[in-house]
Amino acid sequence: QVQLVESGGGLVQAGGSLRLSCAASRITFSIYTMGWYRQAPGKQRELVAGITAGSSTNYADSVKGRFTISRDNAKNTVYLQMNSLKPEDTAAYYCNAFAGGYSYWGQGTQVTVSS
C-alpha cells in the first residue's frame, strides 16, 4: 500500500520559517510529479507548489518568492521550505503524488502562523 507521510508542521510566528517533508513508500518515487496542497477551514484545497519528475517547479502566486519545493529521489522525499510565513498561510498541508493517472495523498500536517 502506497504511503505518503508528511511531517514538519507546527505553530510559528509571522515572519518565521518551517520545512515540511513528505516521505513516500511503495511507489517508484522518481517518476511521480509531487505536489504540496493546502486547505484552510471553509476553503477549497489549493495547489501550493509542484515539482515534476524532471524537477520543473511551479508555485501558487501567493507563495512565490517565499516557498521552495524540492525533492530527493534517493530518499523518496519531497520538501517544502516555507519562509516569511504569514497568518494567511495557516492551513492543513497535504502531499500528493501523481503519475499515469494514479494519485495518492498523505494524511496532512497542520501549519499555524500566529500574527
Protein backbone atom coordinates (compact mmCIF):
# COMPACT_ATOMS: atom_id res chain seq x y z
CA GLN A 1 0.00 0.00 0.00
CA VAL A 2 1.33 3.40 -1.01
CA GLN A 3 2.11 5.69 1.87
CA LEU A 4 2.86 9.41 1.94
CA VAL A 5 3.79 10.68 5.39
CA GLU A 6 4.06 14.41 6.00
CA SER A 7 5.96 15.98 8.86
CA GLY A 8 7.32 19.34 9.92
CA GLY A 9 4.17 21.29 10.58
CA GLY A 10 3.60 23.32 13.70
CA LEU A 11 2.97 26.71 15.21
CA VAL A 12 5.17 29.60 14.13
CA GLN A 13 5.05 33.37 14.38
CA ALA A 14 4.53 35.52 11.33
CA GLY A 15 7.80 36.00 9.50
CA GLY A 16 9.11 32.66 10.63
CA SER A 17 10.01 29.54 8.68
CA LEU A 18 9.07 25.88 8.56
CA ARG A 19 10.22 22.98 6.44
CA LEU A 20 7.72 20.31 5.55
CA SER A 21 8.77 16.84 4.49
CA CYS A 22 6.82 14.10 2.76
CA ALA A 23 8.29 10.62 2.73
CA ALA A 24 6.88 8.22 0.17
CA SER A 25 6.94 4.45 0.22
CA ARG A 26 5.84 1.69 -2.12
CA ILE A 27 5.97 3.86 -5.23
CA THR A 28 8.62 4.47 -7.86
CA PHE A 29 9.08 7.93 -6.43
CA SER A 30 11.32 9.30 -9.17
CA ILE A 31 8.63 9.09 -11.87
CA TYR A 32 5.96 10.90 -9.88
CA THR A 33 5.03 14.54 -10.01
CA MET A 34 4.89 15.65 -6.39
CA GLY A 35 2.79 18.45 -5.05
CA TRP A 36 2.02 20.29 -1.88
CA TYR A 37 -1.56 21.41 -1.37
CA ARG A 38 -3.21 23.21 1.49
CA GLN A 39 -6.71 23.58 2.83
CA ALA A 40 -7.83 26.21 5.28
CA PRO A 41 -11.10 25.84 7.21
CA GLY A 42 -14.06 26.63 4.98
CA LYS A 43 -11.92 26.84 1.86
CA GLN A 44 -11.15 24.55 -1.03
CA ARG A 45 -7.92 22.64 -1.23
CA GLU A 46 -5.43 24.55 -3.36
CA LEU A 47 -2.12 23.75 -5.00
CA VAL A 48 0.79 25.45 -3.26
CA ALA A 49 3.74 24.06 -5.22
CA GLY A 50 4.56 21.22 -7.56
CA ILE A 51 7.69 19.53 -8.85
CA THR A 52 7.82 17.18 -11.81
CA ALA A 53 9.93 14.08 -12.25
CA GLY A 54 12.35 16.28 -14.15
CA SER A 55 12.39 18.78 -11.25
CA SER A 56 10.50 21.55 -13.00
CA THR A 57 8.64 23.56 -10.40
CA ASN A 58 5.55 25.71 -10.21
CA TYR A 59 4.09 27.79 -7.41
CA ALA A 60 0.88 29.49 -6.45
CA ASP A 61 1.20 33.24 -6.88
CA SER A 62 0.58 33.71 -3.17
CA VAL A 63 3.76 31.84 -2.20
CA LYS A 64 6.16 32.75 -4.99
CA GLY A 65 9.43 34.04 -3.60
CA ARG A 66 8.66 32.67 -0.13
CA PHE A 67 8.26 28.90 -0.58
CA THR A 68 10.60 26.43 -2.27
CA ILE A 69 9.74 22.89 -3.25
CA SER A 70 12.47 20.31 -3.75
CA ARG A 71 12.85 16.56 -3.98
CA ASP A 72 15.42 13.96 -3.04
CA ASN A 73 14.81 10.85 -5.11
CA ALA A 74 17.40 8.88 -3.15
CA LYS A 75 15.32 9.43 -0.02
CA ASN A 76 11.89 9.24 -1.69
CA THR A 77 11.14 12.57 -0.08
CA VAL A 78 9.75 15.91 -1.19
CA TYR A 79 10.24 19.07 0.82
CA LEU A 80 8.56 22.43 1.13
CA GLN A 81 10.69 25.18 2.61
CA MET A 82 8.39 27.94 3.79
CA ASN A 83 9.89 31.32 4.66
CA SER A 84 8.35 34.68 5.60
CA LEU A 85 5.22 32.91 6.75
CA LYS A 86 2.01 34.89 7.03
CA PRO A 87 -1.16 34.22 9.04
CA GLU A 88 -2.95 33.51 5.76
CA ASP A 89 -0.62 30.53 5.23
CA THR A 90 -2.39 28.79 8.11
CA ALA A 91 -3.85 25.54 6.79
CA ALA A 92 -3.52 21.79 6.71
CA TYR A 93 -0.82 20.94 4.18
CA TYR A 94 -1.08 17.78 2.12
CA CYS A 95 1.42 15.94 -0.03
CA ASN A 96 0.32 14.46 -3.34
CA ALA A 97 1.97 12.05 -5.75
CA PHE A 98 0.67 11.83 -9.30
CA ALA A 99 1.68 9.75 -12.30
CA GLY A 100 -0.04 7.75 -15.01
CA GLY A 101 -3.50 8.58 -13.74
CA TYR A 102 -2.70 7.44 -10.23
CA SER A 103 -2.94 9.98 -7.42
CA TYR A 104 -2.04 9.46 -3.79
CA TRP A 105 -2.45 11.71 -0.77
CA GLY A 106 -0.84 11.99 2.61
CA GLN A 107 -2.76 12.50 5.83
CA GLY A 108 -1.75 16.15 6.14
CA THR A 109 0.20 18.26 8.59
CA GLN A 110 -1.09 21.41 10.26
CA VAL A 111 0.68 24.73 9.85
CA THR A 112 -0.47 27.58 12.06
CA VAL A 113 1.03 31.06 11.71
CA SER A 114 0.29 33.49 14.51
CA SER A 115 0.25 37.24 13.99
